[in-house]
Amino acid sequence: MALAERVAAVLPLVGAVATAVALTGAAFFTVAHAGCQQGGRFEQRDGVVEFVGGCVDGSDLPAVPKIENATYELPSDLRKP
């Protein structure tokens, strides 16, 4: 009876660890087979760390939609003098 309770208590932990291992393996497999000729690298420039190289170009990313903002009249107490 005590053994069954211990197994029942440890079972969620074992399941969580197995799931973490499976997801980590899937991530490594995906990165290894990404088909990128040059892997990116991180470089520090002027105190800022930037990702340089890699497979993604800025032109590959979707453009930000441009919408016009509505103009609202400011109340007189919020206007600059």
Protein backbone atom coordinates (compact mmCIF):
# COMPACT_ATOMS: atom_id res chain seq x y z
CA MET A 1 0.00 0.00 0.00
CA ALA A 2 2.82 2.42 0.92
CA LEU A 3 4.67 1.54 -2.27
CA ALA A 4 1.63 2.35 -4.38
CA GLU A 5 1.32 5.75 -2.68
CA ARG A 6 4.99 6.54 -3.35
CA VAL A 7 4.67 5.55 -6.98
CA ALA A 8 1.54 7.67 -7.34
CA ALA A 9 3.34 10.63 -5.78
CA VAL A 10 6.40 10.35 -8.04
CA LEU A 11 4.50 9.64 -11.27
CA PRO A 12 3.71 13.31 -12.11
CA LEU A 13 7.38 14.23 -11.63
CA VAL A 14 8.51 11.43 -13.93
CA GLY A 15 5.96 12.53 -16.53
CA ALA A 16 7.13 16.15 -16.35
CA VAL A 17 10.79 15.17 -16.73
CA ALA A 18 9.99 12.88 -19.66
CA THR A 19 8.05 15.68 -21.35
CA ALA A 20 10.92 18.13 -20.82
CA VAL A 21 13.42 15.66 -22.28
CA ALA A 22 11.19 15.04 -25.31
CA LEU A 23 10.71 18.77 -25.98
CA THR A 24 14.43 19.43 -25.61
CA GLY A 25 15.19 16.64 -28.07
CA ALA A 26 12.67 18.02 -30.54
CA ALA A 27 14.22 21.49 -30.25
CA PHE A 28 17.73 20.17 -30.89
CA PHE A 29 16.50 18.10 -33.84
CA THR A 30 14.74 21.13 -35.35
CA VAL A 31 17.80 23.35 -35.02
CA ALA A 32 20.13 20.68 -36.38
CA HIS A 33 17.99 20.22 -39.48
CA ALA A 34 17.11 23.88 -40.10
CA GLY A 35 19.12 23.96 -43.33
CA CYS A 36 20.94 27.17 -42.52
CA GLN A 37 24.34 27.44 -44.18
CA GLN A 38 25.71 30.01 -41.75
CA GLY A 39 24.62 29.94 -38.16
CA GLY A 40 24.19 33.27 -36.47
CA ARG A 41 26.35 34.56 -33.69
CA PHE A 42 26.05 37.17 -30.97
CA GLU A 43 28.36 40.19 -31.08
CA GLN A 44 28.70 43.04 -28.63
CA ARG A 45 28.77 46.46 -30.25
CA ASP A 46 28.82 49.65 -28.21
CA GLY A 47 27.58 47.82 -25.12
CA VAL A 48 24.64 46.24 -26.98
CA VAL A 49 24.51 42.54 -27.83
CA GLU A 50 23.28 41.93 -31.40
CA PHE A 51 22.52 38.74 -33.30
CA VAL A 52 24.55 38.78 -36.53
CA GLY A 53 24.20 36.36 -39.43
CA GLY A 54 21.83 33.43 -39.52
CA CYS A 55 19.13 32.50 -41.97
CA VAL A 56 16.58 35.21 -41.29
CA ASP A 57 16.84 38.46 -43.19
CA GLY A 58 14.86 41.55 -42.26
CA SER A 59 13.07 41.38 -45.61
CA ASP A 60 11.77 37.92 -44.67
CA LEU A 61 9.80 39.33 -41.75
CA PRO A 62 6.27 40.64 -42.26
CA ALA A 63 5.89 44.38 -42.46
CA VAL A 64 4.24 46.24 -39.62
CA PRO A 65 0.82 47.43 -40.75
CA LYS A 66 0.59 51.19 -40.89
CA ILE A 67 -2.60 52.64 -39.56
CA GLU A 68 -3.41 56.23 -39.06
CA ASN A 69 -4.03 57.36 -35.54
CA ALA A 70 -7.14 59.27 -34.78
CA THR A 71 -6.54 62.81 -33.64
CA TYR A 72 -8.24 63.91 -30.50
CA GLU A 73 -8.61 67.42 -29.25
CA LEU A 74 -6.80 67.91 -25.96
CA PRO A 75 -8.66 69.58 -23.12
CA SER A 76 -7.41 73.10 -22.43
CA ASP A 77 -5.94 72.14 -19.04
CA LEU A 78 -3.63 69.56 -20.70
CA ARG A 79 -2.30 71.88 -23.44
CA LYS A 80 1.15 73.38 -23.10
CA PRO A 81 1.12 77.06 -22.23
